[in-house]
C-alpha atoms as a PDB file:
ATOM      1  CA  MET A   1      -9.459  13.234  35.633  1.00  0.00           C
ATOM      2  CA  SER A   2      -6.042  11.926  36.571  1.00  0.00           C
ATOM      3  CA  PRO A   3      -3.627  11.684  34.129  1.00  0.00           C
ATOM      4  CA  LYS A   4      -3.160   7.631  33.637  1.00  0.00           C
ATOM      5  CA  SER A   5      -7.522   7.622  32.928  1.00  0.00           C
ATOM      6  CA  ARG A   6      -6.647  10.039  29.686  1.00  0.00           C
ATOM      7  CA  VAL A   7      -4.130   8.244  28.341  1.00  0.00           C
ATOM      8  CA  CYS A   8      -5.963   5.215  28.555  1.00  0.00           C
ATOM      9  CA  ARG A   9      -8.942   6.869  27.118  1.00  0.00           C
ATOM     10  CA  ASP A  10      -6.943   9.042  24.247  1.00  0.00           C
ATOM     11  CA  LEU A  11      -5.449   4.977  23.338  1.00  0.00           C
ATOM     12  CA  ASP A  12      -9.298   3.606  23.066  1.00  0.00           C
ATOM     13  CA  PHE A  13     -11.191   6.428  21.419  1.00  0.00           C
ATOM     14  CA  GLY A  14      -8.339   8.776  20.506  1.00  0.00           C
ATOM     15  CA  GLU A  15      -9.631  12.670  20.133  1.00  0.00           C
ATOM     16  CA  GLN A  16      -9.582  15.166  17.961  1.00  0.00           C
ATOM     17  CA  SER A  17      -7.138  18.215  18.056  1.00  0.00           C
ATOM     18  CA  VAL A  18      -6.662  20.771  15.961  1.00  0.00           C
ATOM     19  CA  ASN A  19      -3.500  21.677  13.679  1.00  0.00           C
ATOM     20  CA  THR A  20      -2.696  24.979  14.311  1.00  0.00           C
ATOM     21  CA  THR A  21      -1.217  26.144  11.429  1.00  0.00           C
ATOM     22  CA  SER A  22      -4.738  25.468   9.009  1.00  0.00           C
ATOM     23  CA  GLY A  23      -7.056  25.654  11.934  1.00  0.00           C
ATOM     24  CA  LYS A  24      -8.546  22.344  10.946  1.00  0.00           C
ATOM     25  CA  PRO A  25      -9.410  19.300  12.585  1.00  0.00           C
ATOM     26  CA  VAL A  26      -7.262  16.323  12.517  1.00  0.00           C
ATOM     27  CA  ASN A  27      -7.804  12.984  13.442  1.00  0.00           C
ATOM     28  CA  THR A  28      -5.653  11.373  16.310  1.00  0.00           C
ATOM     29  CA  ASN A  29      -7.764   8.413  16.658  1.00  0.00           C
ATOM     30  CA  ASN A  30      -5.164   5.384  16.911  1.00  0.00           C
ATOM     31  CA  LYS A  31      -7.577   2.945  15.607  1.00  0.00           C
ATOM     32  CA  THR A  32      -8.242   4.574  12.672  1.00  0.00           C
ATOM     33  CA  LEU A  33      -4.276   5.676  12.031  1.00  0.00           C
ATOM     34  CA  ILE A  34      -3.794   2.000  12.518  1.00  0.00           C
ATOM     35  CA  ALA A  35      -6.781   1.148   9.684  1.00  0.00           C
ATOM     36  CA  GLU A  36      -4.801   4.108   7.442  1.00  0.00           C
ATOM     37  CA  LEU A  37      -1.513   1.936   7.626  1.00  0.00           C
ATOM     38  CA  ILE A  38      -2.559  -1.283   7.335  1.00  0.00           C
ATOM     39  CA  LEU A  39      -4.818  -0.175   3.967  1.00  0.00           C
ATOM     40  CA  SER A  40      -2.344   1.014   2.713  1.00  0.00           C
ATOM     41  CA  THR A  41       0.137  -1.849   3.455  1.00  0.00           C
ATOM     42  CA  ILE A  42      -1.976  -3.786   1.658  1.00  0.00           C
ATOM     43  CA  ILE A  43      -2.060  -1.609  -1.528  1.00  0.00           C
ATOM     44  CA  THR A  44       1.846  -1.511  -1.344  1.00  0.00           C
ATOM     45  CA  TYR A  45       1.228  -5.177  -1.414  1.00  0.00           C
ATOM     46  CA  LYS A  46      -0.628  -5.891  -3.925  1.00  0.00           C
ATOM     47  CA  SER A  47       1.109  -3.286  -6.389  1.00  0.00           C
ATOM     48  CA  ALA A  48       4.340  -5.300  -5.712  1.00  0.00           C
ATOM     49  CA  PHE A  49       2.172  -8.825  -6.613  1.00  0.00           C
ATOM     50  CA  TRP A  50       1.170  -7.227  -9.517  1.00  0.00           C
ATOM     51  CA  VAL A  51       4.135  -5.847 -11.174  1.00  0.00           C
ATOM     52  CA  LYS A  52       5.944  -8.748  -9.910  1.00  0.00           C
ATOM     53  CA  ILE A  53       2.868 -10.905 -12.121  1.00  0.00           C
ATOM     54  CA  SER A  54       3.164  -8.483 -15.276  1.00  0.00           C
ATOM     55  CA  GLN A  55       7.375  -8.641 -15.251  1.00  0.00           C
ATOM     56  CA  ASN A  56       6.680 -12.877 -15.443  1.00  0.00           C
ATOM     57  CA  PHE A  57       4.454 -12.327 -17.777  1.00  0.00           C
ATOM     58  CA  TYR A  58       6.048 -10.291 -19.644  1.00  0.00           C
ATOM     59  CA  LYS A  59       9.378 -12.473 -19.402  1.00  0.00           C
ATOM     60  CA  LEU A  60       7.740 -15.169 -20.608  1.00  0.00           C
ATOM     61  CA  PHE A  61       5.477 -13.627 -23.573  1.00  0.00           C
ATOM     62  CA  TYR A  62       9.025 -12.072 -24.907  1.00  0.00           C
ATOM     63  CA  GLN A  63      11.062 -15.015 -25.090  1.00  0.00           C
ATOM     64  CA  SER A  64       7.927 -16.704 -26.467  1.00  0.00           C
ATOM     65  CA  LEU A  65       8.158 -14.434 -29.359  1.00  0.00           C
ATOM     66  CA  GLN A  66      11.969 -14.081 -29.658  1.00  0.00           C
ATOM     67  CA  THR A  67      11.653 -18.127 -30.319  1.00  0.00           C
ATOM     68  CA  ALA A  68       8.927 -18.008 -32.671  1.00  0.00           C
ATOM     69  CA  TYR A  69      10.967 -15.091 -34.649  1.00  0.00           C
ATOM     70  CA  TRP A  70      14.131 -17.305 -34.618  1.00  0.00           C
ATOM     71  CA  LEU A  71      12.171 -20.453 -36.036  1.00  0.00           C
ATOM     72  CA  VAL A  72      10.487 -18.198 -38.455  1.00  0.00           C
ATOM     73  CA  SER A  73      13.833 -16.601 -39.888  1.00  0.00           C
ATOM     74  CA  GLN A  74      15.411 -19.929 -40.043  1.00  0.00           C
ATOM     75  CA  PRO A  75      16.389 -20.727 -43.746  1.00  0.00           C
ATOM     76  CA  THR A  76      14.527 -23.503 -45.196  1.00  0.00           C
END
C-alpha cells in the first residue's frame, strides 16, 4: 500500500491503535474526534448561555427586591 493511499484511508475511516502504556485501544478516528469537539463546544456554549441568563435574572430579581424593600421601609 502506498503511503498516499494509507493517509487517505486513515483520514476517511481512522484506525484503532493501542496505547503502549495501558494496552487499551485508542480511537484515532478523525470523524469521532471532530464529533467530540463539536459536542464539547455546544455544551460549553449552552452552559455559558444559561450562566448569562441566570446572572441577568438574578440581577433583575435582586434589583426588584431592593426597590420593594426601599418602598416598604419608607416612613409613612
